[in-house]
Amino acid sequence: MDITRQGATDRQVIQRYASDGFKVSGVSFTGAVIVTVTNTLVWPVTAFSALKIEDFAPLLPQAPWDVCLLGCGERTEFVPPDLRAALKAKGIPVDAMGTGSACRTFNVLTAEGRHVVAALFAL
């Protein structure tokens, strides 16, 4: 789904999300991604149910975050309490939601100047 046609030049903007991946600031990505205000990385994860603390290692250098928007796919998933606590202890508070909601929220929060990151599974 296209969510924005115009991209900002000073920050990453999520323009499209779909079953095969994402378009961020004019660049297409296949599969899961991590999006920050300055960069987008391919995220080598395969299933929400298999997430572990190590999967969030790319987020540590810029922690603490205001929030990590965890786009779970088509619907919101439950983040296990032990994983949620371990992430929060490392400065990565997680808010899990459907991927579409996470993409839209990321764009709004970065436009407001918030220090947020989106870790997104494709639909």
PDB file of N, CA and C in Angstrom:
ATOM      1  N   MET A   1       0.841  -1.171   0.000  1.00  0.00           N
ATOM      2  CA  MET A   1       0.000   0.000   0.000  1.00  0.00           C
ATOM      3  C   MET A   1       0.887   1.236   0.000  1.00  0.00           C
ATOM      4  N   ASP A   2       0.617   2.171  -0.892  1.00  0.00           N
ATOM      5  CA  ASP A   2       1.320   3.452  -0.907  1.00  0.00           C
ATOM      6  C   ASP A   2       0.762   4.317   0.212  1.00  0.00           C
ATOM      7  N   ILE A   3       1.677   4.907   1.003  1.00  0.00           N
ATOM      8  CA  ILE A   3       1.199   5.762   2.085  1.00  0.00           C
ATOM      9  C   ILE A   3       1.685   7.191   1.963  1.00  0.00           C
ATOM     10  N   THR A   4       2.652   7.430   1.115  1.00  0.00           N
ATOM     11  CA  THR A   4       3.086   8.807   0.879  1.00  0.00           C
ATOM     12  C   THR A   4       3.731   8.892  -0.494  1.00  0.00           C
ATOM     13  N   ARG A   5       3.502   9.954  -1.160  1.00  0.00           N
ATOM     14  CA  ARG A   5       4.077  10.147  -2.484  1.00  0.00           C
ATOM     15  C   ARG A   5       5.260  11.097  -2.457  1.00  0.00           C
ATOM     16  N   GLN A   6       5.334  11.897  -1.430  1.00  0.00           N
ATOM     17  CA  GLN A   6       6.373  12.895  -1.347  1.00  0.00           C
ATOM     18  C   GLN A   6       7.307  12.530  -0.207  1.00  0.00           C
ATOM     19  N   GLY A   7       8.596  12.496  -0.481  1.00  0.00           N
ATOM     20  CA  GLY A   7       9.540  12.150   0.555  1.00  0.00           C
ATOM     21  C   GLY A   7      10.308  13.362   1.052  1.00  0.00           C
ATOM     22  N   ALA A   8      10.605  13.366   2.335  1.00  0.00           N
ATOM     23  CA  ALA A   8      11.442  14.424   2.892  1.00  0.00           C
ATOM     24  C   ALA A   8      12.879  14.152   2.491  1.00  0.00           C
ATOM     25  N   THR A   9      13.653  15.172   2.357  1.00  0.00           N
ATOM     26  CA  THR A   9      15.045  14.986   1.968  1.00  0.00           C
ATOM     27  C   THR A   9      15.973  14.862   3.163  1.00  0.00           C
ATOM     28  N   ASP A  10      15.506  15.225   4.341  1.00  0.00           N
ATOM     29  CA  ASP A  10      16.356  15.193   5.527  1.00  0.00           C
ATOM     30  C   ASP A  10      16.132  13.973   6.415  1.00  0.00           C
ATOM     31  N   ARG A  11      15.247  13.087   6.023  1.00  0.00           N
ATOM     32  CA  ARG A  11      14.962  11.905   6.841  1.00  0.00           C
ATOM     33  C   ARG A  11      14.373  10.797   5.963  1.00  0.00           C
ATOM     34  N   GLN A  12      14.469   9.571   6.458  1.00  0.00           N
ATOM     35  CA  GLN A  12      13.873   8.433   5.770  1.00  0.00           C
ATOM     36  C   GLN A  12      12.348   8.519   5.887  1.00  0.00           C
ATOM     37  N   VAL A  13      11.654   8.207   4.803  1.00  0.00           N
ATOM     38  CA  VAL A  13      10.198   8.186   4.788  1.00  0.00           C
ATOM     39  C   VAL A  13       9.762   6.846   4.207  1.00  0.00           C
ATOM     40  N   ILE A  14       8.898   6.150   4.928  1.00  0.00           N
ATOM     41  CA  ILE A  14       8.350   4.892   4.421  1.00  0.00           C
ATOM     42  C   ILE A  14       7.232   5.241   3.454  1.00  0.00           C
ATOM     43  N   GLN A  15       7.412   4.869   2.185  1.00  0.00           N
ATOM     44  CA  GLN A  15       6.466   5.239   1.145  1.00  0.00           C
ATOM     45  C   GLN A  15       5.489   4.120   0.786  1.00  0.00           C
ATOM     46  N   ARG A  16       5.914   2.859   0.978  1.00  0.00           N
ATOM     47  CA  ARG A  16       5.064   1.744   0.577  1.00  0.00           C
ATOM     48  C   ARG A  16       5.405   0.534   1.427  1.00  0.00           C
ATOM     49  N   TYR A  17       4.372  -0.253   1.743  1.00  0.00           N
ATOM     50  CA  TYR A  17       4.572  -1.548   2.386  1.00  0.00           C
ATOM     51  C   TYR A  17       3.672  -2.552   1.682  1.00  0.00           C
ATOM     52  N   ALA A  18       4.128  -3.797   1.592  1.00  0.00           N
ATOM     53  CA  ALA A  18       3.378  -4.843   0.885  1.00  0.00           C
ATOM     54  C   ALA A  18       3.858  -6.210   1.373  1.00  0.00           C
ATOM     55  N   SER A  19       3.343  -7.249   0.757  1.00  0.00           N
ATOM     56  CA  SER A  19       3.709  -8.609   1.151  1.00  0.00           C
ATOM     57  C   SER A  19       5.153  -8.957   0.807  1.00  0.00           C
ATOM     58  N   ASP A  20       5.726  -8.243  -0.156  1.00  0.00           N
ATOM     59  CA  ASP A  20       7.096  -8.557  -0.567  1.00  0.00           C
ATOM     60  C   ASP A  20       8.144  -7.633   0.037  1.00  0.00           C
ATOM     61  N   GLY A  21       7.743  -6.536   0.652  1.00  0.00           N
ATOM     62  CA  GLY A  21       8.726  -5.642   1.246  1.00  0.00           C
ATOM     63  C   GLY A  21       8.262  -4.206   1.328  1.00  0.00           C
ATOM     64  N   PHE A  22       9.215  -3.287   1.151  1.00  0.00           N
ATOM     65  CA  PHE A  22       8.985  -1.877   1.450  1.00  0.00           C
ATOM     66  C   PHE A  22       9.668  -0.980   0.423  1.00  0.00           C
ATOM     67  N   LYS A  23       9.173   0.237   0.325  1.00  0.00           N
ATOM     68  CA  LYS A  23       9.861   1.296  -0.403  1.00  0.00           C
ATOM     69  C   LYS A  23      10.082   2.414   0.603  1.00  0.00           C
ATOM     70  N   VAL A  24      11.354   2.743   0.811  1.00  0.00           N
ATOM     71  CA  VAL A  24      11.722   3.765   1.784  1.00  0.00           C
ATOM     72  C   VAL A  24      12.591   4.801   1.086  1.00  0.00           C
ATOM     73  N   SER A  25      12.122   6.034   1.072  1.00  0.00           N
ATOM     74  CA  SER A  25      12.854   7.142   0.448  1.00  0.00           C
ATOM     75  C   SER A  25      13.347   6.795  -0.950  1.00  0.00           C
ATOM     76  N   GLY A  26      12.464   6.187  -1.735  1.00  0.00           N
ATOM     77  CA  GLY A  26      12.750   5.893  -3.129  1.00  0.00           C
ATOM     78  C   GLY A  26      13.492   4.598  -3.397  1.00  0.00           C
ATOM     79  N   VAL A  27      13.858   3.847  -2.359  1.00  0.00           N
ATOM     80  CA  VAL A  27      14.602   2.595  -2.522  1.00  0.00           C
ATOM     81  C   VAL A  27      13.711   1.432  -2.089  1.00  0.00           C
ATOM     82  N   SER A  28      13.647   0.391  -2.923  1.00  0.00           N
ATOM     83  CA  SER A  28      12.840  -0.797  -2.602  1.00  0.00           C
ATOM     84  C   SER A  28      13.669  -1.821  -1.844  1.00  0.00           C
ATOM     85  N   PHE A  29      13.037  -2.453  -0.864  1.00  0.00           N
ATOM     86  CA  PHE A  29      13.657  -3.489  -0.043  1.00  0.00           C
ATOM     87  C   PHE A  29      12.740  -4.701  -0.018  1.00  0.00           C
ATOM     88  N   THR A  30      13.324  -5.876  -0.120  1.00  0.00           N
ATOM     89  CA  THR A  30      12.568  -7.122  -0.043  1.00  0.00           C
ATOM     90  C   THR A  30      12.685  -7.684   1.365  1.00  0.00           C
ATOM     91  N   GLY A  31      11.559  -8.140   1.918  1.00  0.00           N
ATOM     92  CA  GLY A  31      11.570  -8.746   3.236  1.00  0.00           C
ATOM     93  C   GLY A  31      11.532  -7.729   4.359  1.00  0.00           C
ATOM     94  N   ALA A  32      11.987  -8.154   5.534  1.00  0.00           N
ATOM     95  CA  ALA A  32      11.955  -7.325   6.739  1.00  0.00           C
ATOM     96  C   ALA A  32      13.044  -6.252   6.693  1.00  0.00           C
ATOM     97  N   VAL A  33      12.758  -5.105   7.334  1.00  0.00           N
ATOM     98  CA  VAL A  33      13.707  -3.995   7.377  1.00  0.00           C
ATOM     99  C   VAL A  33      13.703  -3.327   8.745  1.00  0.00           C
ATOM    100  N   ILE A  34      14.781  -2.617   9.012  1.00  0.00           N
ATOM    101  CA  ILE A  34      14.875  -1.711  10.149  1.00  0.00           C
ATOM    102  C   ILE A  34      15.054  -0.324   9.565  1.00  0.00           C
ATOM    103  N   VAL A  35      14.189   0.602   9.961  1.00  0.00           N
ATOM    104  CA  VAL A  35      14.232   1.962   9.425  1.00  0.00           C
ATOM    105  C   VAL A  35      14.476   2.944  10.565  1.00  0.00           C
ATOM    106  N   THR A  36      15.525   3.760  10.412  1.00  0.00           N
ATOM    107  CA  THR A  36      15.772   4.867  11.331  1.00  0.00           C
ATOM    108  C   THR A  36      15.600   6.160  10.540  1.00  0.00           C
ATOM    109  N   VAL A  37      15.735   7.272  11.193  1.00  0.00           N
ATOM    110  CA  VAL A  37      15.574   8.553  10.515  1.00  0.00           C
ATOM    111  C   VAL A  37      16.629   8.743   9.421  1.00  0.00           C
ATOM    112  N   THR A  38      17.781   8.088   9.541  1.00  0.00           N
ATOM    113  CA  THR A  38      18.874   8.293   8.594  1.00  0.00           C
ATOM    114  C   THR A  38      19.206   7.102   7.709  1.00  0.00           C
ATOM    115  N   ASN A  39      18.678   5.912   8.013  1.00  0.00           N
ATOM    116  CA  ASN A  39      19.142   4.714   7.335  1.00  0.00           C
ATOM    117  C   ASN A  39      18.074   3.625   7.315  1.00  0.00           C
ATOM    118  N   THR A  40      18.136   2.765   6.303  1.00  0.00           N
ATOM    119  CA  THR A  40      17.290   1.577   6.243  1.00  0.00           C
ATOM    120  C   THR A  40      18.190   0.369   6.028  1.00  0.00           C
ATOM    121  N   LEU A  41      17.985  -0.658   6.840  1.00  0.00           N
ATOM    122  CA  LEU A  41      18.772  -1.883   6.765  1.00  0.00           C
ATOM    123  C   LEU A  41      17.869  -3.073   6.489  1.00  0.00           C
ATOM    124  N   VAL A  42      18.365  -4.018   5.703  1.00  0.00           N
ATOM    125  CA  VAL A  42      17.669  -5.296   5.573  1.00  0.00           C
ATOM    126  C   VAL A  42      17.804  -5.989   6.924  1.00  0.00           C
ATOM    127  N   TRP A  43      16.691  -6.515   7.433  1.00  0.00           N
ATOM    128  CA  TRP A  43      16.670  -7.158   8.746  1.00  0.00           C
ATOM    129  C   TRP A  43      16.554  -8.662   8.529  1.00  0.00           C
ATOM    130  N   PRO A  44      17.615  -9.425   8.777  1.00  0.00           N
ATOM    131  CA  PRO A  44      17.610 -10.862   8.475  1.00  0.00           C
ATOM    132  C   PRO A  44      16.861 -11.708   9.507  1.00  0.00           C
ATOM    133  N   VAL A  45      15.562 -11.452   9.640  1.00  0.00           N
ATOM    134  CA  VAL A  45      14.702 -12.253  10.513  1.00  0.00           C
ATOM    135  C   VAL A  45      13.674 -12.948   9.639  1.00  0.00           C
ATOM    136  N   THR A  46      13.179 -14.071  10.111  1.00  0.00           N
ATOM    137  CA  THR A  46      12.249 -14.833   9.280  1.00  0.00           C
ATOM    138  C   THR A  46      10.851 -14.960   9.867  1.00  0.00           C
ATOM    139  N   ALA A  47      10.744 -14.902  11.196  1.00  0.00           N
ATOM    140  CA  ALA A  47       9.429 -15.096  11.809  1.00  0.00           C
ATOM    141  C   ALA A  47       9.342 -14.318  13.109  1.00  0.00           C
ATOM    142  N   PHE A  48       8.210 -13.686  13.324  1.00  0.00           N
ATOM    143  CA  PHE A  48       7.984 -12.931  14.559  1.00  0.00           C
ATOM    144  C   PHE A  48       8.157 -13.842  15.765  1.00  0.00           C
ATOM    145  N   SER A  49       7.633 -15.041  15.682  1.00  0.00           N
ATOM    146  CA  SER A  49       7.669 -15.968  16.821  1.00  0.00           C
ATOM    147  C   SER A  49       9.087 -16.389  17.201  1.00  0.00           C
ATOM    148  N   ALA A  50      10.046 -16.188  16.308  1.00  0.00           N
ATOM    149  CA  ALA A  50      11.430 -16.589  16.573  1.00  0.00           C
ATOM    150  C   ALA A  50      12.320 -15.426  17.011  1.00  0.00           C
ATOM    151  N   LEU A  51      11.745 -14.228  17.203  1.00  0.00           N
ATOM    152  CA  LEU A  51      12.553 -13.071  17.577  1.00  0.00           C
ATOM    153  C   LEU A  51      13.268 -13.298  18.902  1.00  0.00           C
ATOM    154  N   LYS A  52      14.515 -12.814  18.949  1.00  0.00           N
ATOM    155  CA  LYS A  52      15.296 -12.868  20.178  1.00  0.00           C
ATOM    156  C   LYS A  52      16.062 -11.556  20.314  1.00  0.00           C
ATOM    157  N   ILE A  53      16.595 -11.298  21.472  1.00  0.00           N
ATOM    158  CA  ILE A  53      17.270 -10.036  21.765  1.00  0.00           C
ATOM    159  C   ILE A  53      18.374  -9.739  20.750  1.00  0.00           C
ATOM    160  N   GLU A  54      19.085 -10.751  20.304  1.00  0.00           N
ATOM    161  CA  GLU A  54      20.182 -10.559  19.357  1.00  0.00           C
ATOM    162  C   GLU A  54      19.715  -9.962  18.029  1.00  0.00           C
ATOM    163  N   ASP A  55      18.462 -10.196  17.671  1.00  0.00           N
ATOM    164  CA  ASP A  55      17.928  -9.653  16.415  1.00  0.00           C
ATOM    165  C   ASP A  55      17.855  -8.128  16.427  1.00  0.00           C
ATOM    166  N   PHE A  56      17.907  -7.535  17.599  1.00  0.00           N
ATOM    167  CA  PHE A  56      17.803  -6.088  17.741  1.00  0.00           C
ATOM    168  C   PHE A  56      19.169  -5.423  17.920  1.00  0.00           C
ATOM    169  N   ALA A  57      20.256  -6.171  17.745  1.00  0.00           N
ATOM    170  CA  ALA A  57      21.618  -5.636  17.900  1.00  0.00           C
ATOM    171  C   ALA A  57      21.876  -4.394  17.047  1.00  0.00           C
ATOM    172  N   PRO A  58      21.348  -4.302  15.808  1.00  0.00           N
ATOM    173  CA  PRO A  58      21.605  -3.091  15.023  1.00  0.00           C
ATOM    174  C   PRO A  58      21.041  -1.810  15.651  1.00  0.00           C
ATOM    175  N   LEU A  59      20.142  -1.938  16.621  1.00  0.00           N
ATOM    176  CA  LEU A  59      19.533  -0.763  17.250  1.00  0.00           C
ATOM    177  C   LEU A  59      20.343  -0.227  18.433  1.00  0.00           C
ATOM    178  N   LEU A  60      21.239  -1.037  18.953  1.00  0.00           N
ATOM    179  CA  LEU A  60      21.956  -0.673  20.177  1.00  0.00           C
ATOM    180  C   LEU A  60      22.846   0.561  20.044  1.00  0.00           C
ATOM    181  N   PRO A  61      23.563   0.761  18.938  1.00  0.00           N
ATOM    182  CA  PRO A  61      24.445   1.928  18.874  1.00  0.00           C
ATOM    183  C   PRO A  61      23.742   3.274  19.031  1.00  0.00           C
ATOM    184  N   GLN A  62      22.480   3.375  18.674  1.00  0.00           N
ATOM    185  CA  GLN A  62      21.752   4.639  18.777  1.00  0.00           C
ATOM    186  C   GLN A  62      20.783   4.681  19.960  1.00  0.00           C
ATOM    187  N   ALA A  63      20.791   3.642  20.799  1.00  0.00           N
ATOM    188  CA  ALA A  63      19.912   3.608  21.967  1.00  0.00           C
ATOM    189  C   ALA A  63      20.394   4.626  22.990  1.00  0.00           C
ATOM    190  N   PRO A  64      19.509   5.166  23.819  1.00  0.00           N
ATOM    191  CA  PRO A  64      18.115   4.776  23.964  1.00  0.00           C
ATOM    192  C   PRO A  64      17.215   5.441  22.919  1.00  0.00           C
ATOM    193  N   TRP A  65      16.178   4.702  22.548  1.00  0.00           N
ATOM    194  CA  TRP A  65      15.167   5.161  21.596  1.00  0.00           C
ATOM    195  C   TRP A  65      13.949   5.649  22.364  1.00  0.00           C
ATOM    196  N   ASP A  66      13.220   6.587  21.764  1.00  0.00           N
ATOM    197  CA  ASP A  66      11.921   6.951  22.336  1.00  0.00           C
ATOM    198  C   ASP A  66      11.001   5.742  22.274  1.00  0.00           C
ATOM    199  N   VAL A  67      11.032   5.052  21.121  1.00  0.00           N
ATOM    200  CA  VAL A  67      10.223   3.846  20.941  1.00  0.00           C
ATOM    201  C   VAL A  67      10.731   3.090  19.716  1.00  0.00           C
ATOM    202  N   CYS A  68      10.605   1.777  19.772  1.00  0.00           N
ATOM    203  CA  CYS A  68      10.829   0.918  18.618  1.00  0.00           C
ATOM    204  C   CYS A  68       9.450   0.433  18.174  1.00  0.00           C
ATOM    205  N   LEU A  69       9.051   0.853  16.987  1.00  0.00           N
ATOM    206  CA  LEU A  69       7.763   0.431  16.428  1.00  0.00           C
ATOM    207  C   LEU A  69       7.978  -0.916  15.761  1.00  0.00           C
ATOM    208  N   LEU A  70       7.428  -1.946  16.320  1.00  0.00           N
ATOM    209  CA  LEU A  70       7.612  -3.295  15.811  1.00  0.00           C
ATOM    210  C   LEU A  70       6.411  -3.665  14.947  1.00  0.00           C
ATOM    211  N   GLY A  71       6.609  -3.620  13.638  1.00  0.00           N
ATOM    212  CA  GLY A  71       5.557  -3.974  12.689  1.00  0.00           C
ATOM    213  C   GLY A  71       5.506  -5.474  12.520  1.00  0.00           C
ATOM    214  N   CYS A  72       4.461  -6.095  13.040  1.00  0.00           N
ATOM    215  CA  CYS A  72       4.368  -7.553  13.144  1.00  0.00           C
ATOM    216  C   CYS A  72       3.845  -8.252  11.894  1.00  0.00           C
ATOM    217  N   GLY A  73       3.482  -7.518  10.871  1.00  0.00           N
ATOM    218  CA  GLY A  73       2.851  -8.105   9.691  1.00  0.00           C
ATOM    219  C   GLY A  73       1.431  -7.593   9.585  1.00  0.00           C
ATOM    220  N   GLU A  74       0.519  -8.459   9.200  1.00  0.00           N
ATOM    221  CA  GLU A  74      -0.871  -8.028   8.995  1.00  0.00           C
ATOM    222  C   GLU A  74      -1.604  -7.683  10.281  1.00  0.00           C
ATOM    223  N   ARG A  75      -1.168  -8.253  11.398  1.00  0.00           N
ATOM    224  CA  ARG A  75      -1.870  -7.972  12.647  1.00  0.00           C
ATOM    225  C   ARG A  75      -0.876  -7.840  13.801  1.00  0.00           C
ATOM    226  N   THR A  76      -1.340  -7.277  14.874  1.00  0.00           N
ATOM    227  CA  THR A  76      -0.513  -7.110  16.066  1.00  0.00           C
ATOM    228  C   THR A  76      -0.245  -8.463  16.702  1.00  0.00           C
ATOM    229  N   GLU A  77       0.977  -8.655  17.143  1.00  0.00           N
ATOM    230  CA  GLU A  77       1.370  -9.875  17.851  1.00  0.00           C
ATOM    231  C   GLU A  77       1.755  -9.499  19.283  1.00  0.00           C
ATOM    232  N   PHE A  78       1.774 -10.487  20.140  1.00  0.00           N
ATOM    233  CA  PHE A  78       2.136 -10.301  21.534  1.00  0.00           C
ATOM    234  C   PHE A  78       3.648 -10.470  21.677  1.00  0.00           C
ATOM    235  N   VAL A  79       4.336  -9.461  22.214  1.00  0.00           N
ATOM    236  CA  VAL A  79       5.771  -9.558  22.477  1.00  0.00           C
ATOM    237  C   VAL A  79       5.948 -10.234  23.827  1.00  0.00           C
ATOM    238  N   PRO A  80       6.667 -11.360  23.873  1.00  0.00           N
ATOM    239  CA  PRO A  80       6.855 -12.059  25.151  1.00  0.00           C
ATOM    240  C   PRO A  80       7.447 -11.114  26.210  1.00  0.00           C
ATOM    241  N   PRO A  81       6.948 -11.210  27.445  1.00  0.00           N
ATOM    242  CA  PRO A  81       7.400 -10.298  28.497  1.00  0.00           C
ATOM    243  C   PRO A  81       8.914 -10.297  28.716  1.00  0.00           C
ATOM    244  N   ASP A  82       9.566 -11.462  28.601  1.00  0.00           N
ATOM    245  CA  ASP A  82      11.013 -11.511  28.814  1.00  0.00           C
ATOM    246  C   ASP A  82      11.762 -10.755  27.715  1.00  0.00           C
ATOM    247  N   LEU A  83      11.309 -10.859  26.476  1.00  0.00           N
ATOM    248  CA  LEU A  83      11.931 -10.125  25.378  1.00  0.00           C
ATOM    249  C   LEU A  83      11.667  -8.626  25.535  1.00  0.00           C
ATOM    250  N   ARG A  84      10.439  -8.262  25.855  1.00  0.00           N
ATOM    251  CA  ARG A  84      10.085  -6.847  26.063  1.00  0.00           C
ATOM    252  C   ARG A  84      10.964  -6.238  27.163  1.00  0.00           C
ATOM    253  N   ALA A  85      11.142  -6.946  28.276  1.00  0.00           N
ATOM    254  CA  ALA A  85      11.938  -6.452  29.394  1.00  0.00           C
ATOM    255  C   ALA A  85      13.415  -6.334  29.015  1.00  0.00           C
ATOM    256  N   ALA A  86      13.937  -7.316  28.295  1.00  0.00           N
ATOM    257  CA  ALA A  86      15.347  -7.278  27.880  1.00  0.00           C
ATOM    258  C   ALA A  86      15.609  -6.114  26.934  1.00  0.00           C
ATOM    259  N   LEU A  87      14.679  -5.851  26.024  1.00  0.00           N
ATOM    260  CA  LEU A  87      14.827  -4.728  25.101  1.00  0.00           C
ATOM    261  C   LEU A  87      14.753  -3.397  25.847  1.00  0.00           C
ATOM    262  N   LYS A  88      13.799  -3.268  26.747  1.00  0.00           N
ATOM    263  CA  LYS A  88      13.656  -2.024  27.510  1.00  0.00           C
ATOM    264  C   LYS A  88      14.912  -1.745  28.324  1.00  0.00           C
ATOM    265  N   ALA A  89      15.510  -2.790  28.897  1.00  0.00           N
ATOM    266  CA  ALA A  89      16.733  -2.640  29.687  1.00  0.00           C
ATOM    267  C   ALA A  89      17.896  -2.127  28.833  1.00  0.00           C
ATOM    268  N   LYS A  90      17.841  -2.364  27.543  1.00  0.00           N
ATOM    269  CA  LYS A  90      18.889  -1.902  26.624  1.00  0.00           C
ATOM    270  C   LYS A  90      18.529  -0.579  25.948  1.00  0.00           C
ATOM    271  N   GLY A  91      17.450   0.054  26.387  1.00  0.00           N
ATOM    272  CA  GLY A  91      17.064   1.342  25.828  1.00  0.00           C
ATOM    273  C   GLY A  91      16.229   1.245  24.572  1.00  0.00           C
ATOM    274  N   ILE A  92      15.514   0.117  24.437  1.00  0.00           N
ATOM    275  CA  ILE A  92      14.674  -0.115  23.255  1.00  0.00           C
ATOM    276  C   ILE A  92      13.258  -0.476  23.703  1.00  0.00           C
ATOM    277  N   PRO A  93      12.459   0.516  24.108  1.00  0.00           N
ATOM    278  CA  PRO A  93      11.065   0.216  24.454  1.00  0.00           C
ATOM    279  C   PRO A  93      10.284  -0.123  23.180  1.00  0.00           C
ATOM    280  N   VAL A  94       9.537  -1.208  23.225  1.00  0.00           N
ATOM    281  CA  VAL A  94       8.855  -1.728  22.039  1.00  0.00           C
ATOM    282  C   VAL A  94       7.363  -1.468  22.095  1.00  0.00           C
ATOM    283  N   ASP A  95       6.824  -1.052  20.942  1.00  0.00           N
ATOM    284  CA  ASP A  95       5.383  -0.927  20.765  1.00  0.00           C
ATOM    285  C   ASP A  95       5.028  -1.759  19.531  1.00  0.00           C
ATOM    286  N   ALA A  96       4.410  -2.909  19.748  1.00  0.00           N
ATOM    287  CA  ALA A  96       4.068  -3.815  18.653  1.00  0.00           C
ATOM    288  C   ALA A  96       2.710  -3.457  18.064  1.00  0.00           C
ATOM    289  N   MET A  97       2.622  -3.543  16.737  1.00  0.00           N
ATOM    290  CA  MET A  97       1.379  -3.229  16.020  1.00  0.00           C
ATOM    291  C   MET A  97       1.467  -3.823  14.624  1.00  0.00           C
ATOM    292  N   GLY A  98       0.390  -3.772  13.891  1.00  0.00           N
ATOM    293  CA  GLY A  98       0.423  -4.195  12.502  1.00  0.00           C
ATOM    294  C   GLY A  98       1.418  -3.347  11.721  1.00  0.00           C
ATOM    295  N   THR A  99       1.999  -3.918  10.681  1.00  0.00           N
ATOM    296  CA  THR A  99       3.026  -3.215   9.915  1.00  0.00           C
ATOM    297  C   THR A  99       2.531  -1.903   9.316  1.00  0.00           C
ATOM    298  N   GLY A 100       1.325  -1.874   8.795  1.00  0.00           N
ATOM    299  CA  GLY A 100       0.797  -0.637   8.234  1.00  0.00           C
ATOM    300  C   GLY A 100       0.749   0.480   9.258  1.00  0.00           C
ATOM    301  N   SER A 101       0.269   0.161  10.441  1.00  0.00           N
ATOM    302  CA  SER A 101       0.219   1.155  11.517  1.00  0.00           C
ATOM    303  C   SER A 101       1.616   1.605  11.922  1.00  0.00           C
ATOM    304  N   ALA A 102       2.554   0.669  11.973  1.00  0.00           N
ATOM    305  CA  ALA A 102       3.928   1.012  12.340  1.00  0.00           C
ATOM    306  C   ALA A 102       4.562   1.950  11.311  1.00  0.00           C
ATOM    307  N   CYS A 103       4.303   1.705  10.033  1.00  0.00           N
ATOM    308  CA  CYS A 103       4.850   2.572   8.975  1.00  0.00           C
ATOM    309  C   CYS A 103       4.301   3.987   9.080  1.00  0.00           C
ATOM    310  N   ARG A 104       3.001   4.101   9.233  1.00  0.00           N
ATOM    311  CA  ARG A 104       2.379   5.421   9.324  1.00  0.00           C
ATOM    312  C   ARG A 104       2.842   6.160  10.589  1.00  0.00           C
ATOM    313  N   THR A 105       2.922   5.450  11.697  1.00  0.00           N
ATOM    314  CA  THR A 105       3.352   6.056  12.953  1.00  0.00           C
ATOM    315  C   THR A 105       4.803   6.512  12.869  1.00  0.00           C
ATOM    316  N   PHE A 106       5.659   5.707  12.243  1.00  0.00           N
ATOM    317  CA  PHE A 106       7.061   6.090  12.053  1.00  0.00           C
ATOM    318  C   PHE A 106       7.149   7.419  11.307  1.00  0.00           C
ATOM    319  N   ASN A 107       6.429   7.532  10.210  1.00  0.00           N
ATOM    320  CA  ASN A 107       6.485   8.763   9.420  1.00  0.00           C
ATOM    321  C   ASN A 107       6.047   9.986  10.226  1.00  0.00           C
ATOM    322  N   VAL A 108       5.000   9.828  11.018  1.00  0.00           N
ATOM    323  CA  VAL A 108       4.506  10.944  11.834  1.00  0.00           C
ATOM    324  C   VAL A 108       5.527  11.310  12.913  1.00  0.00           C
ATOM    325  N   LEU A 109       6.031  10.312  13.631  1.00  0.00           N
ATOM    326  CA  LEU A 109       6.942  10.595  14.744  1.00  0.00           C
ATOM    327  C   LEU A 109       8.273  11.170  14.273  1.00  0.00           C
ATOM    328  N   THR A 110       8.792  10.687  13.150  1.00  0.00           N
ATOM    329  CA  THR A 110      10.046  11.259  12.654  1.00  0.00           C
ATOM    330  C   THR A 110       9.829  12.685  12.154  1.00  0.00           C
ATOM    331  N   ALA A 111       8.663  12.972  11.594  1.00  0.00           N
ATOM    332  CA  ALA A 111       8.354  14.345  11.170  1.00  0.00           C
ATOM    333  C   ALA A 111       8.312  15.286  12.373  1.00  0.00           C
ATOM    334  N   GLU A 112       7.964  14.740  13.533  1.00  0.00           N
ATOM    335  CA  GLU A 112       7.941  15.524  14.772  1.00  0.00           C
ATOM    336  C   GLU A 112       9.318  15.631  15.416  1.00  0.00           C
ATOM    337  N   GLY A 113      10.311  14.959  14.830  1.00  0.00           N
ATOM    338  CA  GLY A 113      11.661  15.014  15.368  1.00  0.00           C
ATOM    339  C   GLY A 113      11.948  14.024  16.472  1.00  0.00           C
ATOM    340  N   ARG A 114      11.108  13.035  16.632  1.00  0.00           N
ATOM    341  CA  ARG A 114      11.291  12.020  17.682  1.00  0.00           C
ATOM    342  C   ARG A 114      12.385  11.031  17.290  1.00  0.00           C
ATOM    343  N   HIS A 115      13.053  10.457  18.283  1.00  0.00           N
ATOM    344  CA  HIS A 115      14.121   9.469  18.077  1.00  0.00           C
ATOM    345  C   HIS A 115      13.491   8.075  18.088  1.00  0.00           C
ATOM    346  N   VAL A 116      12.970   7.673  16.935  1.00  0.00           N
ATOM    347  CA  VAL A 116      12.246   6.411  16.815  1.00  0.00           C
ATOM    348  C   VAL A 116      12.900   5.524  15.766  1.00  0.00           C
ATOM    349  N   VAL A 117      12.602   4.249  15.868  1.00  0.00           N
ATOM    350  CA  VAL A 117      13.060   3.264  14.900  1.00  0.00           C
ATOM    351  C   VAL A 117      11.879   2.343  14.606  1.00  0.00           C
ATOM    352  N   ALA A 118      11.825   1.849  13.375  1.00  0.00           N
ATOM    353  CA  ALA A 118      10.783   0.879  12.998  1.00  0.00           C
ATOM    354  C   ALA A 118      11.471  -0.420  12.593  1.00  0.00           C
ATOM    355  N   ALA A 119      11.092  -1.505  13.226  1.00  0.00           N
ATOM    356  CA  ALA A 119      11.545  -2.845  12.866  1.00  0.00           C
ATOM    357  C   ALA A 119      10.325  -3.536  12.262  1.00  0.00           C
ATOM    358  N   LEU A 120      10.384  -3.798  10.958  1.00  0.00           N
ATOM    359  CA  LEU A 120       9.172  -4.132  10.215  1.00  0.00           C
ATOM    360  C   LEU A 120       9.234  -5.472   9.488  1.00  0.00           C
ATOM    361  N   PHE A 121       8.219  -6.281   9.715  1.00  0.00           N
ATOM    362  CA  PHE A 121       8.006  -7.483   8.905  1.00  0.00           C
ATOM    363  C   PHE A 121       7.090  -7.104   7.758  1.00  0.00           C
ATOM    364  N   ALA A 122       7.364  -7.631   6.555  1.00  0.00           N
ATOM    365  CA  ALA A 122       6.479  -7.405   5.423  1.00  0.00           C
ATOM    366  C   ALA A 122       5.133  -8.074   5.710  1.00  0.00           C
ATOM    367  N   LEU A 123       4.124  -7.621   4.985  1.00  0.00           N
ATOM    368  CA  LEU A 123       2.794  -8.228   5.156  1.00  0.00           C
ATOM    369  C   LEU A 123       2.851  -9.626   4.649  1.00  0.00           C
TER     370      LEU A 123
END
